[in-house]
N, C-alpha and C. Protein backbone atom coordinates (compact mmCIF):
# COMPACT_ATOMS: atom_id res chain seq x y z
N MET A 1 25.38 19.22 -11.83
CA MET A 1 23.99 19.49 -10.87
C MET A 1 23.25 20.68 -11.49
N ALA A 2 22.06 21.10 -12.50
CA ALA A 2 21.55 21.97 -12.72
C ALA A 2 21.37 23.16 -11.97
N VAL A 3 21.86 24.13 -13.08
CA VAL A 3 21.92 25.65 -11.96
C VAL A 3 20.37 26.46 -11.89
N ARG A 4 20.19 26.60 -11.08
CA ARG A 4 18.74 27.49 -10.92
C ARG A 4 18.51 28.73 -11.22
N LEU A 5 17.92 29.24 -12.26
CA LEU A 5 17.62 30.32 -12.83
C LEU A 5 17.28 31.46 -12.08
N THR A 6 17.27 32.35 -11.01
CA THR A 6 16.68 33.70 -10.40
C THR A 6 15.60 33.86 -11.43
N ARG A 7 14.46 33.93 -11.14
CA ARG A 7 12.78 34.33 -11.55
C ARG A 7 13.20 35.43 -12.60
N GLU A 8 14.07 36.31 -12.45
CA GLU A 8 14.61 37.57 -13.52
C GLU A 8 15.39 37.11 -14.76
N GLN A 9 16.17 36.41 -14.53
CA GLN A 9 16.74 35.32 -15.26
C GLN A 9 16.18 34.27 -16.16
N SER A 10 14.96 33.56 -15.67
CA SER A 10 14.22 32.90 -16.26
C SER A 10 12.77 33.49 -17.33
N ALA A 11 12.91 34.73 -16.36
CA ALA A 11 11.78 35.66 -17.44
C ALA A 11 12.50 36.57 -18.57
N ALA A 12 13.99 36.80 -18.01
CA ALA A 12 14.90 37.47 -19.58
C ALA A 12 14.52 35.61 -20.18
N HIS A 13 14.84 34.85 -20.05
CA HIS A 13 14.92 33.45 -20.63
C HIS A 13 13.47 32.82 -21.66
N THR A 14 12.79 33.79 -21.07
CA THR A 14 11.03 33.10 -21.55
C THR A 14 10.89 34.10 -22.69
N ARG A 15 11.28 35.26 -22.77
CA ARG A 15 11.41 37.01 -23.86
C ARG A 15 12.02 36.61 -24.36
N GLN A 16 13.59 36.06 -24.76
CA GLN A 16 14.02 35.84 -25.59
C GLN A 16 14.19 34.56 -26.33
N ARG A 17 13.22 33.37 -26.00
CA ARG A 17 12.72 32.54 -26.61
C ARG A 17 11.15 33.14 -27.84
N LEU A 18 10.54 33.76 -27.04
CA LEU A 18 9.42 34.55 -27.81
C LEU A 18 9.89 35.15 -28.68
N LEU A 19 10.56 35.93 -28.29
CA LEU A 19 11.14 36.71 -30.00
C LEU A 19 11.65 36.42 -30.68
N ALA A 20 12.75 35.05 -30.67
CA ALA A 20 13.41 34.61 -31.35
C ALA A 20 12.10 33.25 -32.28
N ALA A 21 11.40 32.95 -31.73
CA ALA A 21 10.51 32.47 -32.24
C ALA A 21 9.23 33.31 -33.32
N ALA A 22 8.39 34.92 -32.54
CA ALA A 22 8.15 35.58 -33.23
C ALA A 22 9.02 35.93 -34.47
N ARG A 23 10.36 35.87 -34.19
CA ARG A 23 11.13 36.22 -35.86
C ARG A 23 11.00 35.59 -36.57
N ARG A 24 10.78 34.16 -36.55
CA ARG A 24 10.94 32.93 -37.21
C ARG A 24 9.23 32.97 -37.80
N VAL A 25 8.37 33.34 -36.54
CA VAL A 25 7.29 33.64 -37.02
C VAL A 25 6.66 34.42 -38.66
N PHE A 26 6.80 35.52 -38.06
CA PHE A 26 6.73 36.77 -38.98
C PHE A 26 7.08 36.48 -40.00
N ALA A 27 8.31 35.79 -40.34
CA ALA A 27 9.37 36.04 -41.80
C ALA A 27 9.03 35.31 -42.30
N GLU A 28 8.12 33.31 -41.71
CA GLU A 28 7.10 33.03 -42.47
C GLU A 28 5.69 32.92 -43.11
N ARG A 29 5.33 33.75 -41.87
CA ARG A 29 3.71 34.25 -42.24
C ARG A 29 3.28 35.60 -42.79
N GLY A 30 4.44 36.40 -42.25
CA GLY A 30 3.99 37.93 -42.19
C GLY A 30 3.33 38.53 -41.12
N PHE A 31 3.25 39.39 -40.90
CA PHE A 31 2.45 40.46 -39.63
C PHE A 31 1.48 40.07 -40.00
N TYR A 32 0.52 39.79 -41.07
CA TYR A 32 -0.99 39.62 -40.57
C TYR A 32 -1.30 38.52 -40.94
N GLY A 33 -0.55 37.01 -41.07
CA GLY A 33 -0.92 35.88 -40.90
C GLY A 33 -0.34 35.11 -39.79
N ALA A 34 0.63 36.07 -39.05
CA ALA A 34 1.00 35.40 -37.39
C ALA A 34 0.23 35.63 -36.67
N SER A 35 0.17 34.81 -35.73
CA SER A 35 -0.77 34.87 -34.33
C SER A 35 0.26 34.65 -33.13
N LEU A 36 -0.30 35.10 -32.12
CA LEU A 36 -0.19 35.20 -30.95
C LEU A 36 0.49 33.59 -30.39
N GLU A 37 -0.67 33.07 -30.52
CA GLU A 37 -1.22 31.70 -30.52
C GLU A 37 0.10 31.10 -31.25
N ALA A 38 0.82 31.12 -32.43
CA ALA A 38 1.68 30.54 -33.18
C ALA A 38 2.98 30.83 -32.75
N VAL A 39 3.07 31.81 -32.26
CA VAL A 39 4.20 31.85 -31.57
C VAL A 39 5.01 31.07 -30.69
N ALA A 40 3.81 31.62 -29.69
CA ALA A 40 3.65 30.80 -28.13
C ALA A 40 4.00 28.80 -28.71
N GLU A 41 3.37 28.56 -29.66
CA GLU A 41 3.57 26.92 -29.96
C GLU A 41 5.06 26.82 -31.07
N GLU A 42 5.76 28.18 -31.67
CA GLU A 42 6.93 27.80 -32.35
C GLU A 42 8.16 27.73 -31.10
N ALA A 43 8.05 28.56 -30.01
CA ALA A 43 8.71 28.99 -28.74
C ALA A 43 8.86 27.63 -28.00
N GLY A 44 7.30 26.57 -28.15
CA GLY A 44 7.18 26.06 -26.96
C GLY A 44 6.66 26.11 -25.86
N LEU A 45 6.35 26.97 -25.93
CA LEU A 45 5.85 28.03 -24.13
C LEU A 45 3.96 28.10 -24.79
N THR A 46 3.19 27.70 -23.04
CA THR A 46 1.89 28.30 -23.16
C THR A 46 1.49 29.32 -23.68
N LYS A 47 0.45 29.56 -24.27
CA LYS A 47 -0.27 30.92 -24.96
C LYS A 47 -0.65 32.15 -23.25
N GLY A 48 -0.44 31.84 -22.51
CA GLY A 48 -0.51 32.63 -21.21
C GLY A 48 1.10 33.06 -21.34
N ALA A 49 2.25 32.37 -21.49
CA ALA A 49 3.40 32.93 -21.69
C ALA A 49 3.47 34.02 -22.78
N VAL A 50 2.45 34.17 -23.71
CA VAL A 50 3.18 34.81 -24.39
C VAL A 50 2.23 36.67 -23.87
N TYR A 51 0.74 36.22 -23.30
CA TYR A 51 -0.43 36.48 -23.20
C TYR A 51 -0.12 37.74 -22.20
N SER A 52 1.22 37.08 -20.85
CA SER A 52 1.52 37.76 -19.64
C SER A 52 1.93 38.55 -20.03
N ARG A 53 3.03 38.82 -21.55
CA ARG A 53 3.85 39.68 -21.52
C ARG A 53 3.80 40.79 -22.69
N PHE A 54 3.13 40.13 -23.68
CA PHE A 54 2.93 40.95 -24.41
C PHE A 54 1.23 41.12 -24.82
N ASP A 55 0.50 42.27 -24.80
CA ASP A 55 -0.80 42.82 -24.71
C ASP A 55 -1.38 42.15 -25.88
N SER A 56 -0.48 42.68 -27.57
CA SER A 56 -1.43 42.13 -28.29
C SER A 56 -0.09 41.83 -29.67
N LYS A 57 -0.04 40.99 -30.75
CA LYS A 57 0.61 40.79 -31.96
C LYS A 57 1.27 41.96 -32.10
N ALA A 58 0.38 43.02 -32.31
CA ALA A 58 1.12 44.40 -32.74
C ALA A 58 2.90 44.53 -31.25
N ASP A 59 2.53 44.38 -30.22
CA ASP A 59 2.53 44.91 -29.25
C ASP A 59 3.90 43.75 -29.14
N LEU A 60 3.91 42.53 -29.34
CA LEU A 60 5.02 41.84 -29.84
C LEU A 60 5.69 42.21 -31.28
N PHE A 61 5.28 42.18 -31.47
CA PHE A 61 6.25 42.78 -33.33
C PHE A 61 6.74 43.52 -32.85
N LEU A 62 6.48 45.14 -32.33
CA LEU A 62 7.29 46.15 -31.47
C LEU A 62 8.70 45.45 -31.11
N ALA A 63 8.02 44.62 -30.00
CA ALA A 63 8.82 44.14 -29.18
C ALA A 63 10.36 43.58 -30.30
N PHE A 64 9.89 42.75 -30.94
CA PHE A 64 10.80 42.12 -31.65
C PHE A 64 11.30 43.36 -32.86
N GLN A 65 10.98 43.89 -32.99
CA GLN A 65 11.84 45.12 -34.06
C GLN A 65 12.48 45.63 -33.27
N GLU A 66 12.10 46.05 -32.06
CA GLU A 66 13.48 46.56 -31.31
C GLU A 66 14.16 45.89 -30.94
N GLU A 67 14.68 44.68 -30.73
CA GLU A 67 15.52 44.22 -30.12
C GLU A 67 16.33 43.61 -31.97
N ARG A 68 15.67 44.03 -32.91
CA ARG A 68 16.65 43.83 -34.39
C ARG A 68 17.02 44.58 -34.33
N ASN A 69 16.16 46.07 -34.16
CA ASN A 69 16.68 47.55 -34.42
C ASN A 69 18.24 47.69 -33.80
N GLU A 70 18.06 46.94 -32.39
CA GLU A 70 19.64 46.93 -31.21
C GLU A 70 20.71 46.34 -32.08
N GLN A 71 20.48 45.15 -32.84
CA GLN A 71 21.16 44.09 -33.31
C GLN A 71 22.08 45.25 -34.42
N THR A 72 20.60 45.69 -35.55
CA THR A 72 21.72 46.46 -36.33
C THR A 72 22.03 47.77 -36.30
N VAL A 73 21.55 48.58 -35.47
CA VAL A 73 22.50 49.60 -34.77
C VAL A 73 24.07 49.67 -34.65
N LYS A 74 24.12 48.42 -33.73
CA LYS A 74 25.70 47.88 -32.41
C LYS A 74 26.19 47.35 -33.99
N ARG A 75 25.66 47.02 -34.96
CA ARG A 75 26.49 46.03 -35.84
C ARG A 75 26.91 47.11 -36.84
N MET A 76 26.62 48.09 -37.23
CA MET A 76 26.40 49.32 -37.89
C MET A 76 27.49 50.31 -37.42
N ILE A 77 27.45 50.53 -35.89
CA ILE A 77 27.97 51.39 -35.81
C ILE A 77 29.85 50.74 -35.62
N ASP A 78 29.81 49.63 -34.91
CA ASP A 78 31.21 49.08 -34.55
C ASP A 78 31.63 48.72 -36.59
N GLU A 79 31.42 48.07 -37.12
CA GLU A 79 31.79 48.22 -38.66
C GLU A 79 31.98 49.67 -38.60
N LEU A 80 31.43 50.66 -39.04
CA LEU A 80 31.99 52.01 -38.69
C LEU A 80 32.82 52.67 -38.04
N ALA A 81 33.43 52.31 -36.80
CA ALA A 81 34.23 52.52 -36.24
C ALA A 81 35.52 51.86 -36.35
N ALA A 82 35.03 50.72 -37.48
CA ALA A 82 36.48 50.00 -37.89
C ALA A 82 36.78 50.44 -38.87
N LEU A 83 36.73 50.96 -39.76
CA LEU A 83 36.95 51.62 -41.22
C LEU A 83 38.59 52.19 -40.67
N GLU A 84 38.94 52.38 -42.19
CA GLU A 84 40.47 52.52 -42.07
C GLU A 84 40.83 53.21 -43.16
N PRO A 85 41.66 54.68 -42.78
CA PRO A 85 41.75 54.95 -43.88
C PRO A 85 41.81 55.00 -45.54
N GLY A 86 41.15 55.15 -46.02
CA GLY A 86 40.98 54.82 -47.39
C GLY A 86 39.95 54.31 -47.77
N GLU A 87 39.00 53.48 -46.80
CA GLU A 87 37.82 53.06 -46.49
C GLU A 87 36.90 54.39 -47.34
N GLN A 88 35.46 54.44 -47.70
CA GLN A 88 34.40 55.06 -47.68
C GLN A 88 33.34 54.80 -47.29
N PRO A 89 32.87 55.75 -46.36
CA PRO A 89 31.48 55.12 -45.53
C PRO A 89 30.55 54.98 -46.38
N LEU A 90 30.43 55.32 -47.36
CA LEU A 90 29.41 55.50 -48.46
C LEU A 90 29.31 54.55 -48.75
N LEU A 91 30.37 53.26 -49.46
CA LEU A 91 30.58 52.24 -49.90
C LEU A 91 30.37 51.31 -49.26
N TRP A 92 30.34 51.85 -48.14
CA TRP A 92 30.34 50.73 -47.31
C TRP A 92 29.16 50.61 -46.63
N LEU A 93 27.81 51.66 -47.12
CA LEU A 93 26.92 51.35 -46.42
C LEU A 93 26.12 50.51 -47.50
N ALA A 94 26.09 51.11 -48.65
CA ALA A 94 25.93 50.31 -50.35
C ALA A 94 26.06 48.78 -49.60
N GLY A 95 27.39 48.56 -49.38
CA GLY A 95 27.16 47.62 -49.43
C GLY A 95 26.81 46.67 -48.12
N TYR A 96 26.53 46.69 -46.92
CA TYR A 96 25.82 46.90 -46.20
C TYR A 96 24.24 46.11 -46.65
N TRP A 97 23.86 47.53 -47.50
CA TRP A 97 22.63 46.89 -47.76
C TRP A 97 22.34 45.74 -48.63
N LYS A 98 23.76 45.85 -49.37
CA LYS A 98 23.62 44.63 -50.61
C LYS A 98 23.67 43.07 -50.03
N ASN A 99 24.70 43.07 -49.19
CA ASN A 99 24.74 42.17 -48.21
C ASN A 99 23.38 41.87 -47.33
N ARG A 100 22.72 42.81 -47.03
CA ARG A 100 21.36 42.42 -46.33
C ARG A 100 20.17 42.02 -47.70
N LEU A 101 20.24 42.47 -48.68
CA LEU A 101 19.44 41.88 -49.68
C LEU A 101 19.45 40.59 -50.08
N LEU A 102 20.89 40.54 -50.41
CA LEU A 102 21.07 39.17 -50.61
C LEU A 102 21.27 38.22 -49.93
N ASN A 103 21.51 38.80 -48.83
CA ASN A 103 21.35 36.88 -47.78
C ASN A 103 20.25 36.73 -46.83
N GLU A 104 19.74 38.71 -46.24
CA GLU A 104 18.19 38.21 -45.73
C GLU A 104 17.41 37.76 -46.04
N GLY A 105 17.30 38.36 -46.83
CA GLY A 105 15.82 37.87 -47.88
C GLY A 105 14.72 39.11 -47.70
N PRO A 106 13.54 38.91 -48.32
CA PRO A 106 12.73 40.04 -47.57
C PRO A 106 11.48 39.75 -47.22
N GLU A 107 11.78 38.41 -47.05
CA GLU A 107 10.54 38.10 -46.20
C GLU A 107 10.57 39.13 -44.90
N LEU A 108 11.10 39.34 -44.35
CA LEU A 108 10.89 40.19 -42.27
C LEU A 108 10.74 41.51 -42.93
N THR A 109 11.44 41.88 -43.99
CA THR A 109 10.99 43.65 -44.91
C THR A 109 9.52 43.21 -45.16
N LEU A 110 9.20 42.39 -45.76
CA LEU A 110 7.52 42.25 -45.74
C LEU A 110 6.92 42.14 -44.51
N ALA A 111 7.32 41.79 -43.35
CA ALA A 111 6.81 41.84 -42.63
C ALA A 111 6.60 43.30 -41.91
N VAL A 112 7.64 43.69 -41.72
CA VAL A 112 7.93 45.04 -41.63
C VAL A 112 7.14 45.87 -42.45
N ILE A 113 6.52 45.56 -43.47
CA ILE A 113 6.10 46.47 -44.44
C ILE A 113 4.76 46.54 -43.70
N GLU A 114 3.94 45.32 -44.11
CA GLU A 114 2.64 44.88 -43.83
C GLU A 114 2.17 45.66 -41.87
N PHE A 115 3.25 45.46 -40.87
CA PHE A 115 3.03 46.53 -39.68
C PHE A 115 2.84 47.46 -40.06
N TRP A 116 3.53 47.68 -40.88
CA TRP A 116 4.18 49.89 -41.23
C TRP A 116 2.50 50.39 -41.79
N VAL A 117 2.01 49.26 -42.45
CA VAL A 117 0.78 49.91 -42.97
C VAL A 117 -0.47 49.94 -41.99
N SER A 118 -0.36 48.83 -41.55
CA SER A 118 -1.18 48.35 -39.82
C SER A 118 -1.27 49.41 -38.93
N ALA A 119 0.24 49.85 -38.73
CA ALA A 119 0.43 51.50 -38.05
C ALA A 119 0.13 52.33 -37.81
N TYR A 120 0.11 52.84 -39.73
CA TYR A 120 -0.42 53.68 -40.27
C TYR A 120 -2.18 54.09 -39.84
N ARG A 121 -2.73 53.01 -39.84
CA ARG A 121 -4.10 53.87 -39.11
C ARG A 121 -4.46 53.68 -37.73
N ASP A 122 -3.34 53.47 -36.63
CA ASP A 122 -3.18 53.10 -35.64
C ASP A 122 -2.42 54.49 -35.17
N PRO A 123 -2.77 55.63 -34.59
CA PRO A 123 -2.29 56.15 -34.18
C PRO A 123 -1.24 56.05 -33.11
N GLU A 124 -1.83 55.39 -31.82
CA GLU A 124 -0.39 54.81 -31.02
C GLU A 124 0.48 54.50 -31.90
N LEU A 125 -0.12 53.02 -32.21
CA LEU A 125 1.50 52.61 -33.17
C LEU A 125 1.80 53.12 -34.01
N GLN A 126 1.43 54.02 -34.41
CA GLN A 126 2.25 54.70 -35.79
C GLN A 126 3.20 55.60 -34.46
N ARG A 127 2.68 55.94 -33.56
CA ARG A 127 3.77 56.94 -32.84
C ARG A 127 5.24 55.91 -32.30
N ARG A 128 4.57 55.02 -32.12
CA ARG A 128 5.25 53.72 -31.34
C ARG A 128 6.57 53.62 -32.53
N PHE A 129 5.66 53.52 -33.85
CA PHE A 129 7.09 52.27 -34.73
C PHE A 129 7.63 54.10 -35.16
N SER A 130 7.13 54.93 -35.39
CA SER A 130 8.21 55.93 -35.86
C SER A 130 9.07 56.38 -35.11
N GLU A 131 8.69 56.41 -33.30
CA GLU A 131 10.27 56.84 -32.51
C GLU A 131 10.96 55.64 -32.88
N GLN A 132 10.30 54.39 -32.93
CA GLN A 132 11.65 52.99 -33.52
C GLN A 132 12.61 53.44 -34.19
N HIS A 133 11.88 53.78 -35.41
CA HIS A 133 12.78 54.28 -36.86
C HIS A 133 13.32 55.39 -36.63
N GLU A 134 13.39 56.71 -35.99
CA GLU A 134 13.69 57.63 -35.78
C GLU A 134 14.75 57.62 -35.13
N ARG A 135 15.21 56.43 -34.15
CA ARG A 135 16.09 56.04 -33.24
C ARG A 135 17.18 55.43 -34.22
N VAL A 136 16.64 54.69 -34.93
CA VAL A 136 17.36 53.62 -35.90
C VAL A 136 18.33 55.10 -36.94
N ALA A 137 17.56 56.14 -37.38
CA ALA A 137 17.71 56.90 -38.44
C ALA A 137 19.31 57.51 -37.83
N GLU A 138 18.68 58.41 -36.81
CA GLU A 138 19.73 58.75 -35.86
C GLU A 138 20.56 58.65 -35.20
N THR A 139 20.46 57.64 -34.83
CA THR A 139 21.79 57.07 -34.36
C THR A 139 22.94 55.81 -35.13
N THR A 140 22.23 56.22 -36.57
CA THR A 140 23.39 55.10 -37.05
C THR A 140 23.84 55.98 -38.39
N GLY A 141 23.12 57.50 -38.19
CA GLY A 141 23.23 58.34 -39.17
C GLY A 141 24.35 59.46 -38.56
N GLY A 142 24.51 59.21 -37.72
CA GLY A 142 25.63 60.17 -36.62
C GLY A 142 26.95 59.18 -36.69
N ALA A 143 26.46 57.96 -36.54
CA ALA A 143 27.70 56.77 -36.68
C ALA A 143 28.40 56.92 -38.19
N LEU A 144 27.50 57.29 -39.00
CA LEU A 144 28.14 57.53 -40.42
C LEU A 144 28.13 58.93 -40.60
N GLU A 145 28.10 60.10 -39.67
CA GLU A 145 28.89 61.52 -39.97
C GLU A 145 30.17 61.33 -39.55
N ASP A 146 30.17 60.45 -38.08
CA ASP A 146 31.46 60.74 -37.56
C ASP A 146 32.65 59.69 -38.06
N ALA A 147 31.98 58.51 -39.07
CA ALA A 147 33.19 57.73 -39.82
C ALA A 147 33.93 58.84 -40.95
N SER A 148 32.69 59.07 -41.73
CA SER A 148 33.14 60.41 -42.77
C SER A 148 34.32 61.08 -42.16
N ALA A 149 34.04 62.21 -41.22
CA ALA A 149 34.79 63.29 -40.48
C ALA A 149 36.13 62.60 -40.54
N ARG A 150 36.21 61.27 -39.65
CA ARG A 150 37.22 60.71 -39.47
C ARG A 150 38.26 60.63 -40.63
N LEU A 151 37.54 60.21 -41.53
CA LEU A 151 38.08 59.26 -42.52
C LEU A 151 38.10 60.65 -44.00
N GLY A 152 38.00 61.99 -43.36
CA GLY A 152 37.89 62.88 -44.61
C GLY A 152 37.00 62.76 -45.73
N CYS A 153 35.57 62.24 -44.95
CA CYS A 153 35.06 61.60 -46.50
C CYS A 153 33.64 62.64 -46.65
N PRO A 154 32.99 63.61 -46.95
CA PRO A 154 32.24 64.34 -46.88
C PRO A 154 30.77 63.73 -47.55
N LEU A 155 29.89 63.83 -46.67
CA LEU A 155 28.58 63.21 -46.62
C LEU A 155 27.90 64.10 -47.90
N PRO A 156 27.00 63.73 -48.55
CA PRO A 156 26.57 65.00 -49.20
C PRO A 156 25.01 65.56 -48.57
N MET A 157 24.86 64.77 -47.67
CA MET A 157 23.94 65.27 -46.95
C MET A 157 24.18 65.01 -45.15
N PRO A 158 22.80 65.32 -44.62
CA PRO A 158 23.69 64.70 -42.76
C PRO A 158 22.86 62.83 -43.07
N GLY A 159 23.57 62.73 -41.94
CA GLY A 159 23.96 61.04 -42.35
C GLY A 159 22.74 60.97 -42.09
N PRO A 160 21.58 61.47 -41.18
CA PRO A 160 20.04 60.56 -40.89
C PRO A 160 19.82 59.98 -42.14
N GLU A 161 19.36 61.76 -43.10
CA GLU A 161 18.94 61.54 -44.22
C GLU A 161 19.49 60.51 -45.14
N THR A 162 21.04 60.28 -45.00
CA THR A 162 21.37 59.25 -45.97
C THR A 162 20.67 58.02 -45.62
N ILE A 163 20.60 58.02 -44.30
CA ILE A 163 20.16 56.18 -44.14
C ILE A 163 19.01 56.07 -44.46
N ARG A 164 17.92 56.96 -44.17
CA ARG A 164 16.86 57.14 -44.40
C ARG A 164 16.51 56.74 -46.22
N MET A 165 17.16 57.53 -47.13
CA MET A 165 17.22 57.57 -48.50
C MET A 165 17.52 55.95 -48.74
N THR A 166 19.31 55.69 -48.21
CA THR A 166 19.66 54.22 -48.45
C THR A 166 18.12 53.30 -48.28
N ALA A 167 17.72 53.60 -47.15
CA ALA A 167 17.19 52.57 -46.49
C ALA A 167 15.86 52.07 -47.54
N GLY A 168 15.01 53.62 -47.85
CA GLY A 168 14.31 53.54 -49.08
C GLY A 168 14.29 52.85 -49.71
N ILE A 169 15.48 53.25 -51.08
CA ILE A 169 15.94 52.38 -51.75
C ILE A 169 16.16 50.34 -51.71
N ALA A 170 16.71 50.09 -50.26
CA ALA A 170 16.57 48.88 -49.90
C ALA A 170 15.23 47.98 -49.42
N HIS A 171 14.00 48.90 -49.54
CA HIS A 171 13.11 48.48 -49.14
C HIS A 171 12.31 48.28 -50.64
N GLY A 172 12.61 49.22 -51.54
CA GLY A 172 11.73 49.04 -52.71
C GLY A 172 12.33 47.74 -52.84
N LEU A 173 13.90 47.53 -53.37
CA LEU A 173 14.05 46.32 -54.18
C LEU A 173 13.78 44.90 -53.47
N ALA A 174 13.61 44.89 -51.72
CA ALA A 174 13.07 44.30 -51.28
C ALA A 174 11.31 43.80 -51.68
N LEU A 175 11.13 44.77 -51.95
CA LEU A 175 9.25 44.63 -52.77
C LEU A 175 9.74 43.67 -53.65
N GLU A 176 10.62 44.26 -54.88
CA GLU A 176 11.13 43.40 -56.22
C GLU A 176 11.18 41.69 -55.99
N GLN A 177 12.13 42.01 -54.93
CA GLN A 177 12.45 40.53 -54.53
C GLN A 177 11.04 39.55 -54.27
N LEU A 178 10.23 40.17 -53.38
CA LEU A 178 8.98 39.58 -53.69
C LEU A 178 8.43 38.91 -54.38
N LEU A 179 8.25 39.72 -55.91
CA LEU A 179 7.75 39.27 -56.99
C LEU A 179 9.06 38.58 -57.84
N ASN A 180 10.38 38.43 -58.07
CA ASN A 180 11.06 37.75 -58.92
C ASN A 180 12.64 37.97 -58.33
N ARG A 181 12.77 37.26 -57.28
CA ARG A 181 13.87 37.24 -56.28
C ARG A 181 15.28 37.25 -57.22
N THR A 182 15.34 36.70 -58.22
CA THR A 182 16.39 36.51 -59.60
C THR A 182 16.89 37.65 -60.20
N LYS A 183 15.90 38.53 -59.90
CA LYS A 183 16.20 39.69 -61.03
C LYS A 183 17.20 41.50 -60.28
N ILE A 184 16.88 40.57 -58.68
CA ILE A 184 17.38 40.87 -57.93
C ILE A 184 19.14 40.61 -57.97
N ASP A 185 19.77 41.14 -58.57
CA ASP A 185 21.39 40.81 -58.37
C ASP A 185 21.92 41.92 -57.89
N GLU A 186 22.99 41.19 -57.91
CA GLU A 186 24.45 42.47 -57.49
C GLU A 186 24.62 43.94 -58.52
N ARG A 187 24.22 43.16 -59.51
CA ARG A 187 24.29 44.30 -59.94
C ARG A 187 23.87 45.68 -60.59
N LEU A 188 22.54 45.31 -60.15
CA LEU A 188 20.77 46.46 -60.15
C LEU A 188 21.17 46.90 -58.86
N ILE A 189 21.65 46.25 -57.32
CA ILE A 189 21.74 46.67 -56.31
C ILE A 189 22.86 47.42 -56.57
N ASP A 190 24.00 47.42 -56.57
CA ASP A 190 24.95 47.97 -57.50
C ASP A 190 24.31 49.58 -57.85
N THR A 191 23.95 49.25 -58.98
CA THR A 191 22.84 50.39 -60.33
C THR A 191 22.22 51.32 -58.90
N ALA A 192 21.55 50.65 -58.44
CA ALA A 192 20.30 51.61 -57.39
C ALA A 192 21.21 52.69 -56.28
N PHE A 193 22.23 52.12 -56.08
CA PHE A 193 23.12 52.25 -54.95
C PHE A 193 24.51 53.31 -55.61
N ALA A 194 24.46 53.40 -56.71
CA ALA A 194 25.69 54.30 -57.09
C ALA A 194 25.14 55.82 -57.37
N ALA A 195 24.07 56.71 -57.30
CA ALA A 195 24.22 57.84 -57.11
C ALA A 195 24.56 58.32 -55.83
N VAL A 196 24.51 57.20 -54.87
CA VAL A 196 24.62 57.50 -53.33
C VAL A 196 26.07 57.68 -53.03
N THR A 197 26.24 56.74 -54.07
CA THR A 197 27.96 56.37 -53.50
C THR A 197 29.14 57.09 -53.68
N ARG A 198 29.09 57.29 -55.47
CA ARG A 198 29.21 58.68 -56.74
C ARG A 198 29.08 60.08 -55.69
N ARG A 199 30.72 60.42 -55.70
CA ARG A 199 31.85 61.20 -55.36
C ARG A 199 31.61 62.71 -56.17
């Protein structure tokens, strides 16, 4: 016998379908090339299902990015908390970015950068996007500081600044991947982060 979902459960399920579809569409088409119609089609839902939940493509992107940020923050906090004596948080951080660059690919990073440029020209979007970005930097930076203090590995700068700097390096390498992915290998990534991890 099929289980009947409550209205709230059904709404949450529809939202998750839309966000999952948005991830695929934004990765494939970028922010500029994506549309709410394409997301609805990818999710197997009507256009009304999208328009009733999101005011615009930018609003959908911010919701998608917020969920992606929450997953990133949870993973980083959990993995930093699991580091054991003898392990170095900065080396873990460099490894985190290397794994992301080598395995996730540059497509979503490009979509984020496209949105970044678009948001820069819209004060309200810039404010919302900046607040998202700062929450990630402050939260993960705090977790990095906690792990460093616990393991006796001082950071060269405050945790949030370390997160911002390493994210900037990773974003730059992701842009290079878009031109020639084969040139961005483990050796180059390790070299790029060497100045950060050197003690």
